[in-house]
Amino acid sequence: MKFLVVIHHPKGYDGSLEGKQMAQDIDALNDEMEAAGVRNFAGGLQPIQKSLRAQPDGTVLVTDGPYLETEEYIGGFWILECASMDEAVEWGRKAVIACRAPVEVRPFF
């Protein structure tokens, strides 16, 4: 089963203010995931630049910034191949500690 492990950052979060230890902790977690054979892909995301919305007339509206105004946004993610939700949650626990941020675990269909 594939799972999406999503890191949530608060509005206005500036990753450049984080210390070297956090980057080392995330690198160590990535290494551990690779060694366990569960990591399919991982990526950090920059702040939202553009949002696209279908319009009733069939056109697509492109706007600057997020689609929704929220207090949190997705800062990064992993796609993991795990045997169960329980296993994915255990990786999510490690992500919470390494990233020092809330994490969401969701299965793919």
PDB file of N, CA and C in Angstrom:
ATOM      1  N   MET A   1       0.840  -1.179   0.000  1.00  0.00           N
ATOM      2  CA  MET A   1       0.000   0.000   0.000  1.00  0.00           C
ATOM      3  C   MET A   1       0.885   1.242   0.000  1.00  0.00           C
ATOM      4  N   LYS A   2       0.427   2.270  -0.720  1.00  0.00           N
ATOM      5  CA  LYS A   2       1.167   3.531  -0.739  1.00  0.00           C
ATOM      6  C   LYS A   2       0.474   4.543   0.159  1.00  0.00           C
ATOM      7  N   PHE A   3       1.304   5.331   0.842  1.00  0.00           N
ATOM      8  CA  PHE A   3       0.814   6.348   1.767  1.00  0.00           C
ATOM      9  C   PHE A   3       1.500   7.673   1.495  1.00  0.00           C
ATOM     10  N   LEU A   4       0.754   8.737   1.707  1.00  0.00           N
ATOM     11  CA  LEU A   4       1.282  10.088   1.631  1.00  0.00           C
ATOM     12  C   LEU A   4       1.472  10.577   3.060  1.00  0.00           C
ATOM     13  N   VAL A   5       2.683  10.957   3.398  1.00  0.00           N
ATOM     14  CA  VAL A   5       2.982  11.534   4.702  1.00  0.00           C
ATOM     15  C   VAL A   5       3.269  13.009   4.447  1.00  0.00           C
ATOM     16  N   VAL A   6       2.393  13.880   4.948  1.00  0.00           N
ATOM     17  CA  VAL A   6       2.436  15.308   4.641  1.00  0.00           C
ATOM     18  C   VAL A   6       2.870  16.098   5.869  1.00  0.00           C
ATOM     19  N   ILE A   7       3.798  17.027   5.659  1.00  0.00           N
ATOM     20  CA  ILE A   7       4.264  17.921   6.722  1.00  0.00           C
ATOM     21  C   ILE A   7       3.477  19.224   6.615  1.00  0.00           C
ATOM     22  N   HIS A   8       2.941  19.699   7.726  1.00  0.00           N
ATOM     23  CA  HIS A   8       2.204  20.958   7.748  1.00  0.00           C
ATOM     24  C   HIS A   8       3.037  22.034   8.434  1.00  0.00           C
ATOM     25  N   HIS A   9       3.143  23.192   7.786  1.00  0.00           N
ATOM     26  CA  HIS A   9       3.843  24.337   8.367  1.00  0.00           C
ATOM     27  C   HIS A   9       2.840  25.444   8.638  1.00  0.00           C
ATOM     28  N   PRO A  10       3.083  26.241   9.677  1.00  0.00           N
ATOM     29  CA  PRO A  10       2.172  27.360   9.945  1.00  0.00           C
ATOM     30  C   PRO A  10       2.344  28.467   8.905  1.00  0.00           C
ATOM     31  N   LYS A  11       1.319  29.243   8.737  1.00  0.00           N
ATOM     32  CA  LYS A  11       1.361  30.387   7.828  1.00  0.00           C
ATOM     33  C   LYS A  11       2.550  31.274   8.216  1.00  0.00           C
ATOM     34  N   GLY A  12       3.321  31.692   7.233  1.00  0.00           N
ATOM     35  CA  GLY A  12       4.473  32.553   7.489  1.00  0.00           C
ATOM     36  C   GLY A  12       5.737  31.811   7.886  1.00  0.00           C
ATOM     37  N   TYR A  13       5.705  30.486   7.862  1.00  0.00           N
ATOM     38  CA  TYR A  13       6.866  29.681   8.249  1.00  0.00           C
ATOM     39  C   TYR A  13       8.064  29.993   7.351  1.00  0.00           C
ATOM     40  N   ASP A  14       9.220  30.135   7.944  1.00  0.00           N
ATOM     41  CA  ASP A  14      10.460  30.394   7.205  1.00  0.00           C
ATOM     42  C   ASP A  14      11.459  29.306   7.572  1.00  0.00           C
ATOM     43  N   GLY A  15      11.604  28.325   6.688  1.00  0.00           N
ATOM     44  CA  GLY A  15      12.506  27.204   6.938  1.00  0.00           C
ATOM     45  C   GLY A  15      13.957  27.609   7.086  1.00  0.00           C
ATOM     46  N   SER A  16      14.329  28.763   6.544  1.00  0.00           N
ATOM     47  CA  SER A  16      15.723  29.199   6.649  1.00  0.00           C
ATOM     48  C   SER A  16      16.103  29.551   8.087  1.00  0.00           C
ATOM     49  N   LEU A  17      15.110  29.718   8.949  1.00  0.00           N
ATOM     50  CA  LEU A  17      15.388  30.035  10.348  1.00  0.00           C
ATOM     51  C   LEU A  17      15.623  28.787  11.196  1.00  0.00           C
ATOM     52  N   GLU A  18      15.392  27.618  10.619  1.00  0.00           N
ATOM     53  CA  GLU A  18      15.609  26.362  11.347  1.00  0.00           C
ATOM     54  C   GLU A  18      17.106  26.097  11.454  1.00  0.00           C
ATOM     55  N   GLY A  19      17.490  25.441  12.505  1.00  0.00           N
ATOM     56  CA  GLY A  19      18.892  25.122  12.706  1.00  0.00           C
ATOM     57  C   GLY A  19      19.349  23.937  11.871  1.00  0.00           C
ATOM     58  N   LYS A  20      20.659  23.734  11.881  1.00  0.00           N
ATOM     59  CA  LYS A  20      21.256  22.620  11.133  1.00  0.00           C
ATOM     60  C   LYS A  20      20.787  21.276  11.649  1.00  0.00           C
ATOM     61  N   GLN A  21      20.464  21.215  12.936  1.00  0.00           N
ATOM     62  CA  GLN A  21      20.069  19.931  13.522  1.00  0.00           C
ATOM     63  C   GLN A  21      18.816  19.375  12.871  1.00  0.00           C
ATOM     64  N   MET A  22      17.858  20.235  12.563  1.00  0.00           N
ATOM     65  CA  MET A  22      16.633  19.748  11.927  1.00  0.00           C
ATOM     66  C   MET A  22      16.944  19.157  10.558  1.00  0.00           C
ATOM     67  N   ALA A  23      17.760  19.828   9.769  1.00  0.00           N
ATOM     68  CA  ALA A  23      18.132  19.303   8.450  1.00  0.00           C
ATOM     69  C   ALA A  23      18.831  17.959   8.591  1.00  0.00           C
ATOM     70  N   GLN A  24      19.689  17.832   9.588  1.00  0.00           N
ATOM     71  CA  GLN A  24      20.373  16.560   9.819  1.00  0.00           C
ATOM     72  C   GLN A  24      19.388  15.483  10.236  1.00  0.00           C
ATOM     73  N   ASP A  25      18.408  15.837  11.065  1.00  0.00           N
ATOM     74  CA  ASP A  25      17.398  14.865  11.500  1.00  0.00           C
ATOM     75  C   ASP A  25      16.546  14.391  10.323  1.00  0.00           C
ATOM     76  N   ILE A  26      16.185  15.309   9.433  1.00  0.00           N
ATOM     77  CA  ILE A  26      15.396  14.931   8.256  1.00  0.00           C
ATOM     78  C   ILE A  26      16.229  14.062   7.320  1.00  0.00           C
ATOM     79  N   ASP A  27      17.500  14.410   7.125  1.00  0.00           N
ATOM     80  CA  ASP A  27      18.383  13.582   6.290  1.00  0.00           C
ATOM     81  C   ASP A  27      18.507  12.177   6.874  1.00  0.00           C
ATOM     82  N   ALA A  28      18.637  12.084   8.195  1.00  0.00           N
ATOM     83  CA  ALA A  28      18.752  10.778   8.851  1.00  0.00           C
ATOM     84  C   ALA A  28      17.463   9.973   8.659  1.00  0.00           C
ATOM     85  N   LEU A  29      16.303  10.641   8.765  1.00  0.00           N
ATOM     86  CA  LEU A  29      15.031   9.945   8.551  1.00  0.00           C
ATOM     87  C   LEU A  29      14.930   9.460   7.109  1.00  0.00           C
ATOM     88  N   ASN A  30      15.323  10.298   6.146  1.00  0.00           N
ATOM     89  CA  ASN A  30      15.320   9.867   4.740  1.00  0.00           C
ATOM     90  C   ASN A  30      16.215   8.659   4.536  1.00  0.00           C
ATOM     91  N   ASP A  31      17.391   8.669   5.134  1.00  0.00           N
ATOM     92  CA  ASP A  31      18.303   7.524   5.036  1.00  0.00           C
ATOM     93  C   ASP A  31      17.674   6.271   5.632  1.00  0.00           C
ATOM     94  N   GLU A  32      17.009   6.431   6.780  1.00  0.00           N
ATOM     95  CA  GLU A  32      16.357   5.287   7.437  1.00  0.00           C
ATOM     96  C   GLU A  32      15.222   4.738   6.570  1.00  0.00           C
ATOM     97  N   MET A  33      14.443   5.626   5.974  1.00  0.00           N
ATOM     98  CA  MET A  33      13.354   5.188   5.093  1.00  0.00           C
ATOM     99  C   MET A  33      13.895   4.455   3.871  1.00  0.00           C
ATOM    100  N   GLU A  34      14.972   4.972   3.292  1.00  0.00           N
ATOM    101  CA  GLU A  34      15.586   4.309   2.137  1.00  0.00           C
ATOM    102  C   GLU A  34      16.124   2.937   2.520  1.00  0.00           C
ATOM    103  N   ALA A  35      16.793   2.851   3.658  1.00  0.00           N
ATOM    104  CA  ALA A  35      17.354   1.573   4.103  1.00  0.00           C
ATOM    105  C   ALA A  35      16.260   0.542   4.360  1.00  0.00           C
ATOM    106  N   ALA A  36      15.097   1.013   4.831  1.00  0.00           N
ATOM    107  CA  ALA A  36      13.970   0.111   5.085  1.00  0.00           C
ATOM    108  C   ALA A  36      13.210  -0.233   3.806  1.00  0.00           C
ATOM    109  N   GLY A  37      13.530   0.469   2.719  1.00  0.00           N
ATOM    110  CA  GLY A  37      12.874   0.194   1.447  1.00  0.00           C
ATOM    111  C   GLY A  37      11.454   0.712   1.334  1.00  0.00           C
ATOM    112  N   VAL A  38      11.082   1.717   2.163  1.00  0.00           N
ATOM    113  CA  VAL A  38       9.707   2.216   2.132  1.00  0.00           C
ATOM    114  C   VAL A  38       9.559   3.528   1.365  1.00  0.00           C
ATOM    115  N   ARG A  39      10.627   4.261   1.187  1.00  0.00           N
ATOM    116  CA  ARG A  39      10.524   5.591   0.568  1.00  0.00           C
ATOM    117  C   ARG A  39      10.499   5.490  -0.946  1.00  0.00           C
ATOM    118  N   ASN A  40       9.390   5.928  -1.565  1.00  0.00           N
ATOM    119  CA  ASN A  40       9.284   6.005  -3.015  1.00  0.00           C
ATOM    120  C   ASN A  40       9.725   7.369  -3.522  1.00  0.00           C
ATOM    121  N   PHE A  41       9.369   8.419  -2.768  1.00  0.00           N
ATOM    122  CA  PHE A  41       9.675   9.780  -3.190  1.00  0.00           C
ATOM    123  C   PHE A  41       9.522  10.699  -1.991  1.00  0.00           C
ATOM    124  N   ALA A  42      10.297  11.763  -1.967  1.00  0.00           N
ATOM    125  CA  ALA A  42      10.165  12.785  -0.929  1.00  0.00           C
ATOM    126  C   ALA A  42      10.454  14.135  -1.549  1.00  0.00           C
ATOM    127  N   GLY A  43       9.821  15.161  -1.021  1.00  0.00           N
ATOM    128  CA  GLY A  43      10.092  16.493  -1.532  1.00  0.00           C
ATOM    129  C   GLY A  43       9.608  17.571  -0.589  1.00  0.00           C
ATOM    130  N   GLY A  44      10.393  18.621  -0.505  1.00  0.00           N
ATOM    131  CA  GLY A  44       9.985  19.815   0.219  1.00  0.00           C
ATOM    132  C   GLY A  44       9.342  20.775  -0.771  1.00  0.00           C
ATOM    133  N   LEU A  45       8.439  21.587  -0.280  1.00  0.00           N
ATOM    134  CA  LEU A  45       7.720  22.512  -1.150  1.00  0.00           C
ATOM    135  C   LEU A  45       7.968  23.959  -0.730  1.00  0.00           C
ATOM    136  N   GLN A  46       8.130  24.817  -1.699  1.00  0.00           N
ATOM    137  CA  GLN A  46       8.222  26.244  -1.442  1.00  0.00           C
ATOM    138  C   GLN A  46       6.811  26.793  -1.266  1.00  0.00           C
ATOM    139  N   PRO A  47       6.680  28.025  -0.777  1.00  0.00           N
ATOM    140  CA  PRO A  47       5.337  28.603  -0.605  1.00  0.00           C
ATOM    141  C   PRO A  47       4.550  28.605  -1.921  1.00  0.00           C
ATOM    142  N   ILE A  48       3.238  28.592  -1.798  1.00  0.00           N
ATOM    143  CA  ILE A  48       2.335  28.536  -2.945  1.00  0.00           C
ATOM    144  C   ILE A  48       2.552  29.756  -3.827  1.00  0.00           C
ATOM    145  N   GLN A  49       2.679  29.513  -5.121  1.00  0.00           N
ATOM    146  CA  GLN A  49       2.890  30.587  -6.086  1.00  0.00           C
ATOM    147  C   GLN A  49       1.640  30.890  -6.906  1.00  0.00           C
ATOM    148  N   LYS A  50       0.981  29.860  -7.401  1.00  0.00           N
ATOM    149  CA  LYS A  50      -0.176  30.031  -8.294  1.00  0.00           C
ATOM    150  C   LYS A  50      -1.269  29.031  -7.935  1.00  0.00           C
ATOM    151  N   SER A  51      -2.501  29.459  -8.107  1.00  0.00           N
ATOM    152  CA  SER A  51      -3.659  28.574  -7.966  1.00  0.00           C
ATOM    153  C   SER A  51      -4.467  28.638  -9.252  1.00  0.00           C
ATOM    154  N   LEU A  52      -5.025  27.510  -9.638  1.00  0.00           N
ATOM    155  CA  LEU A  52      -5.814  27.433 -10.866  1.00  0.00           C
ATOM    156  C   LEU A  52      -7.209  26.922 -10.529  1.00  0.00           C
ATOM    157  N   ARG A  53      -8.232  27.565 -11.108  1.00  0.00           N
ATOM    158  CA  ARG A  53      -9.622  27.184 -10.852  1.00  0.00           C
ATOM    159  C   ARG A  53     -10.403  27.161 -12.151  1.00  0.00           C
ATOM    160  N   ALA A  54     -11.178  26.100 -12.351  1.00  0.00           N
ATOM    161  CA  ALA A  54     -12.070  26.030 -13.508  1.00  0.00           C
ATOM    162  C   ALA A  54     -13.201  27.027 -13.316  1.00  0.00           C
ATOM    163  N   GLN A  55     -13.569  27.692 -14.398  1.00  0.00           N
ATOM    164  CA  GLN A  55     -14.651  28.670 -14.380  1.00  0.00           C
ATOM    165  C   GLN A  55     -15.873  28.089 -15.095  1.00  0.00           C
ATOM    166  N   PRO A  56     -17.065  28.610 -14.807  1.00  0.00           N
ATOM    167  CA  PRO A  56     -18.288  28.091 -15.437  1.00  0.00           C
ATOM    168  C   PRO A  56     -18.261  28.137 -16.967  1.00  0.00           C
ATOM    169  N   ASP A  57     -17.523  29.102 -17.542  1.00  0.00           N
ATOM    170  CA  ASP A  57     -17.480  29.219 -18.999  1.00  0.00           C
ATOM    171  C   ASP A  57     -16.441  28.295 -19.639  1.00  0.00           C
ATOM    172  N   GLY A  58     -15.801  27.432 -18.830  1.00  0.00           N
ATOM    173  CA  GLY A  58     -14.829  26.475 -19.350  1.00  0.00           C
ATOM    174  C   GLY A  58     -13.397  26.980 -19.361  1.00  0.00           C
ATOM    175  N   THR A  59     -13.182  28.238 -18.997  1.00  0.00           N
ATOM    176  CA  THR A  59     -11.817  28.764 -18.921  1.00  0.00           C
ATOM    177  C   THR A  59     -11.204  28.398 -17.572  1.00  0.00           C
ATOM    178  N   VAL A  60      -9.924  28.638 -17.453  1.00  0.00           N
ATOM    179  CA  VAL A  60      -9.221  28.390 -16.197  1.00  0.00           C
ATOM    180  C   VAL A  60      -8.668  29.714 -15.694  1.00  0.00           C
ATOM    181  N   LEU A  61      -9.016  30.054 -14.465  1.00  0.00           N
ATOM    182  CA  LEU A  61      -8.540  31.271 -13.826  1.00  0.00           C
ATOM    183  C   LEU A  61      -7.248  30.958 -13.079  1.00  0.00           C
ATOM    184  N   VAL A  62      -6.195  31.719 -13.363  1.00  0.00           N
ATOM    185  CA  VAL A  62      -4.908  31.563 -12.691  1.00  0.00           C
ATOM    186  C   VAL A  62      -4.707  32.784 -11.797  1.00  0.00           C
ATOM    187  N   THR A  63      -4.496  32.538 -10.503  1.00  0.00           N
ATOM    188  CA  THR A  63      -4.296  33.639  -9.559  1.00  0.00           C
ATOM    189  C   THR A  63      -3.010  33.419  -8.775  1.00  0.00           C
ATOM    190  N   ASP A  64      -2.470  34.499  -8.240  1.00  0.00           N
ATOM    191  CA  ASP A  64      -1.302  34.414  -7.371  1.00  0.00           C
ATOM    192  C   ASP A  64      -1.740  33.954  -5.985  1.00  0.00           C
ATOM    193  N   GLY A  65      -0.897  33.144  -5.364  1.00  0.00           N
ATOM    194  CA  GLY A  65      -1.150  32.742  -3.988  1.00  0.00           C
ATOM    195  C   GLY A  65      -1.984  31.490  -3.857  1.00  0.00           C
ATOM    196  N   PRO A  66      -2.348  31.177  -2.626  1.00  0.00           N
ATOM    197  CA  PRO A  66      -3.065  29.925  -2.349  1.00  0.00           C
ATOM    198  C   PRO A  66      -4.512  29.956  -2.807  1.00  0.00           C
ATOM    199  N   TYR A  67      -5.050  28.768  -3.030  1.00  0.00           N
ATOM    200  CA  TYR A  67      -6.457  28.607  -3.388  1.00  0.00           C
ATOM    201  C   TYR A  67      -7.335  28.942  -2.182  1.00  0.00           C
ATOM    202  N   LEU A  68      -6.914  28.492  -1.030  1.00  0.00           N
ATOM    203  CA  LEU A  68      -7.644  28.742   0.220  1.00  0.00           C
ATOM    204  C   LEU A  68      -6.758  29.516   1.185  1.00  0.00           C
ATOM    205  N   GLU A  69      -7.347  30.396   1.939  1.00  0.00           N
ATOM    206  CA  GLU A  69      -6.620  31.067   3.009  1.00  0.00           C
ATOM    207  C   GLU A  69      -6.666  30.148   4.225  1.00  0.00           C
ATOM    208  N   THR A  70      -5.506  29.688   4.654  1.00  0.00           N
ATOM    209  CA  THR A  70      -5.434  28.773   5.786  1.00  0.00           C
ATOM    210  C   THR A  70      -4.341  29.220   6.744  1.00  0.00           C
ATOM    211  N   GLU A  71      -4.347  28.652   7.909  1.00  0.00           N
ATOM    212  CA  GLU A  71      -3.309  28.941   8.896  1.00  0.00           C
ATOM    213  C   GLU A  71      -2.129  27.982   8.765  1.00  0.00           C
ATOM    214  N   GLU A  72      -2.294  26.927   7.967  1.00  0.00           N
ATOM    215  CA  GLU A  72      -1.222  25.961   7.721  1.00  0.00           C
ATOM    216  C   GLU A  72      -1.181  25.647   6.238  1.00  0.00           C
ATOM    217  N   TYR A  73      -0.026  25.230   5.768  1.00  0.00           N
ATOM    218  CA  TYR A  73       0.097  24.779   4.388  1.00  0.00           C
ATOM    219  C   TYR A  73       1.043  23.592   4.335  1.00  0.00           C
ATOM    220  N   ILE A  74       1.026  22.883   3.205  1.00  0.00           N
ATOM    221  CA  ILE A  74       1.881  21.709   3.044  1.00  0.00           C
ATOM    222  C   ILE A  74       3.294  22.188   2.763  1.00  0.00           C
ATOM    223  N   GLY A  75       4.220  21.767   3.608  1.00  0.00           N
ATOM    224  CA  GLY A  75       5.613  22.171   3.460  1.00  0.00           C
ATOM    225  C   GLY A  75       6.483  21.113   2.813  1.00  0.00           C
ATOM    226  N   GLY A  76       6.014  19.889   2.784  1.00  0.00           N
ATOM    227  CA  GLY A  76       6.769  18.802   2.179  1.00  0.00           C
ATOM    228  C   GLY A  76       6.023  17.501   2.358  1.00  0.00           C
ATOM    229  N   PHE A  77       6.564  16.441   1.768  1.00  0.00           N
ATOM    230  CA  PHE A  77       5.851  15.169   1.833  1.00  0.00           C
ATOM    231  C   PHE A  77       6.774  14.012   1.485  1.00  0.00           C
ATOM    232  N   TRP A  78       6.334  12.826   1.870  1.00  0.00           N
ATOM    233  CA  TRP A  78       6.944  11.561   1.457  1.00  0.00           C
ATOM    234  C   TRP A  78       5.849  10.704   0.844  1.00  0.00           C
ATOM    235  N   ILE A  79       6.200   9.903  -0.125  1.00  0.00           N
ATOM    236  CA  ILE A  79       5.333   8.827  -0.600  1.00  0.00           C
ATOM    237  C   ILE A  79       6.018   7.541  -0.178  1.00  0.00           C
ATOM    238  N   LEU A  80       5.331   6.787   0.669  1.00  0.00           N
ATOM    239  CA  LEU A  80       5.907   5.570   1.250  1.00  0.00           C
ATOM    240  C   LEU A  80       5.145   4.335   0.800  1.00  0.00           C
ATOM    241  N   GLU A  81       5.849   3.243   0.694  1.00  0.00           N
ATOM    242  CA  GLU A  81       5.259   1.929   0.421  1.00  0.00           C
ATOM    243  C   GLU A  81       5.342   1.152   1.727  1.00  0.00           C
ATOM    244  N   CYS A  82       4.185   0.965   2.391  1.00  0.00           N
ATOM    245  CA  CYS A  82       4.146   0.301   3.695  1.00  0.00           C
ATOM    246  C   CYS A  82       3.147  -0.850   3.657  1.00  0.00           C
ATOM    247  N   ALA A  83       3.334  -1.788   4.555  1.00  0.00           N
ATOM    248  CA  ALA A  83       2.448  -2.947   4.620  1.00  0.00           C
ATOM    249  C   ALA A  83       1.090  -2.600   5.216  1.00  0.00           C
ATOM    250  N   SER A  84       1.030  -1.538   6.038  1.00  0.00           N
ATOM    251  CA  SER A  84      -0.223  -1.209   6.721  1.00  0.00           C
ATOM    252  C   SER A  84      -0.231   0.256   7.132  1.00  0.00           C
ATOM    253  N   MET A  85      -1.411   0.729   7.522  1.00  0.00           N
ATOM    254  CA  MET A  85      -1.538   2.078   8.056  1.00  0.00           C
ATOM    255  C   MET A  85      -0.708   2.215   9.330  1.00  0.00           C
ATOM    256  N   ASP A  86      -0.686   1.182  10.139  1.00  0.00           N
ATOM    257  CA  ASP A  86       0.105   1.238  11.374  1.00  0.00           C
ATOM    258  C   ASP A  86       1.575   1.503  11.076  1.00  0.00           C
ATOM    259  N   GLU A  87       2.118   0.832  10.075  1.00  0.00           N
ATOM    260  CA  GLU A  87       3.518   1.063   9.713  1.00  0.00           C
ATOM    261  C   GLU A  87       3.719   2.491   9.212  1.00  0.00           C
ATOM    262  N   ALA A  88       2.806   2.980   8.389  1.00  0.00           N
ATOM    263  CA  ALA A  88       2.904   4.348   7.873  1.00  0.00           C
ATOM    264  C   ALA A  88       2.830   5.363   9.009  1.00  0.00           C
ATOM    265  N   VAL A  89       1.980   5.106   9.991  1.00  0.00           N
ATOM    266  CA  VAL A  89       1.864   6.003  11.148  1.00  0.00           C
ATOM    267  C   VAL A  89       3.170   6.019  11.946  1.00  0.00           C
ATOM    268  N   GLU A  90       3.828   4.884  12.049  1.00  0.00           N
ATOM    269  CA  GLU A  90       5.115   4.856  12.761  1.00  0.00           C
ATOM    270  C   GLU A  90       6.143   5.731  12.055  1.00  0.00           C
ATOM    271  N   TRP A  91       6.156   5.700  10.717  1.00  0.00           N
ATOM    272  CA  TRP A  91       7.041   6.601   9.972  1.00  0.00           C
ATOM    273  C   TRP A  91       6.600   8.043  10.179  1.00  0.00           C
ATOM    274  N   GLY A  92       5.292   8.277  10.229  1.00  0.00           N
ATOM    275  CA  GLY A  92       4.767   9.610  10.494  1.00  0.00           C
ATOM    276  C   GLY A  92       5.214  10.140  11.847  1.00  0.00           C
ATOM    277  N   ARG A  93       5.257   9.271  12.854  1.00  0.00           N
ATOM    278  CA  ARG A  93       5.745   9.678  14.184  1.00  0.00           C
ATOM    279  C   ARG A  93       7.190  10.180  14.097  1.00  0.00           C
ATOM    280  N   LYS A  94       7.994   9.467  13.341  1.00  0.00           N
ATOM    281  CA  LYS A  94       9.395   9.875  13.179  1.00  0.00           C
ATOM    282  C   LYS A  94       9.490  11.193  12.418  1.00  0.00           C
ATOM    283  N   ALA A  95       8.577  11.396  11.457  1.00  0.00           N
ATOM    284  CA  ALA A  95       8.567  12.642  10.688  1.00  0.00           C
ATOM    285  C   ALA A  95       8.195  13.831  11.570  1.00  0.00           C
ATOM    286  N   VAL A  96       7.254  13.641  12.481  1.00  0.00           N
ATOM    287  CA  VAL A  96       6.863  14.714  13.410  1.00  0.00           C
ATOM    288  C   VAL A  96       8.074  15.172  14.213  1.00  0.00           C
ATOM    289  N   ILE A  97       8.852  14.222  14.679  1.00  0.00           N
ATOM    290  CA  ILE A  97      10.028  14.547  15.489  1.00  0.00           C
ATOM    291  C   ILE A  97      11.105  15.214  14.642  1.00  0.00           C
ATOM    292  N   ALA A  98      11.394  14.655  13.472  1.00  0.00           N
ATOM    293  CA  ALA A  98      12.456  15.205  12.621  1.00  0.00           C
ATOM    294  C   ALA A  98      12.107  16.590  12.094  1.00  0.00           C
ATOM    295  N   CYS A  99      10.852  16.785  11.698  1.00  0.00           N
ATOM    296  CA  CYS A  99      10.436  18.044  11.062  1.00  0.00           C
ATOM    297  C   CYS A  99       9.952  19.098  12.060  1.00  0.00           C
ATOM    298  N   ARG A 100       9.699  18.630  13.298  1.00  0.00           N
ATOM    299  CA  ARG A 100       9.207  19.554  14.315  1.00  0.00           C
ATOM    300  C   ARG A 100       7.929  20.271  13.853  1.00  0.00           C
ATOM    301  N   ALA A 101       7.056  19.471  13.237  1.00  0.00           N
ATOM    302  CA  ALA A 101       5.811  20.013  12.691  1.00  0.00           C
ATOM    303  C   ALA A 101       4.762  18.919  12.647  1.00  0.00           C
ATOM    304  N   PRO A 102       3.476  19.304  12.607  1.00  0.00           N
ATOM    305  CA  PRO A 102       2.421  18.307  12.487  1.00  0.00           C
ATOM    306  C   PRO A 102       2.526  17.555  11.159  1.00  0.00           C
ATOM    307  N   VAL A 103       2.127  16.293  11.181  1.00  0.00           N
ATOM    308  CA  VAL A 103       2.205  15.436  10.002  1.00  0.00           C
ATOM    309  C   VAL A 103       0.860  14.740   9.829  1.00  0.00           C
ATOM    310  N   GLU A 104       0.468  14.548   8.603  1.00  0.00           N
ATOM    311  CA  GLU A 104      -0.766  13.839   8.252  1.00  0.00           C
ATOM    312  C   GLU A 104      -0.382  12.609   7.438  1.00  0.00           C
ATOM    313  N   VAL A 105      -1.022  11.480   7.694  1.00  0.00           N
ATOM    314  CA  VAL A 105      -0.770  10.235   6.952  1.00  0.00           C
ATOM    315  C   VAL A 105      -2.066   9.859   6.236  1.00  0.00           C
ATOM    316  N   ARG A 106      -1.966   9.684   4.907  1.00  0.00           N
ATOM    317  CA  ARG A 106      -3.159   9.351   4.119  1.00  0.00           C
ATOM    318  C   ARG A 106      -2.819   8.240   3.126  1.00  0.00           C
ATOM    319  N   PRO A 107      -3.688   7.228   3.043  1.00  0.00           N
ATOM    320  CA  PRO A 107      -3.474   6.169   2.062  1.00  0.00           C
ATOM    321  C   PRO A 107      -3.923   6.613   0.668  1.00  0.00           C
ATOM    322  N   PHE A 108      -3.274   6.086  -0.344  1.00  0.00           N
ATOM    323  CA  PHE A 108      -3.729   6.281  -1.721  1.00  0.00           C
ATOM    324  C   PHE A 108      -4.826   5.258  -2.006  1.00  0.00           C
ATOM    325  N   PHE A 109      -5.697   5.549  -2.965  1.00  0.00           N
ATOM    326  CA  PHE A 109      -6.709   4.570  -3.381  1.00  0.00           C
ATOM    327  C   PHE A 109      -6.017   3.420  -4.063  1.00  0.00           C
TER     328      PHE A 109
END
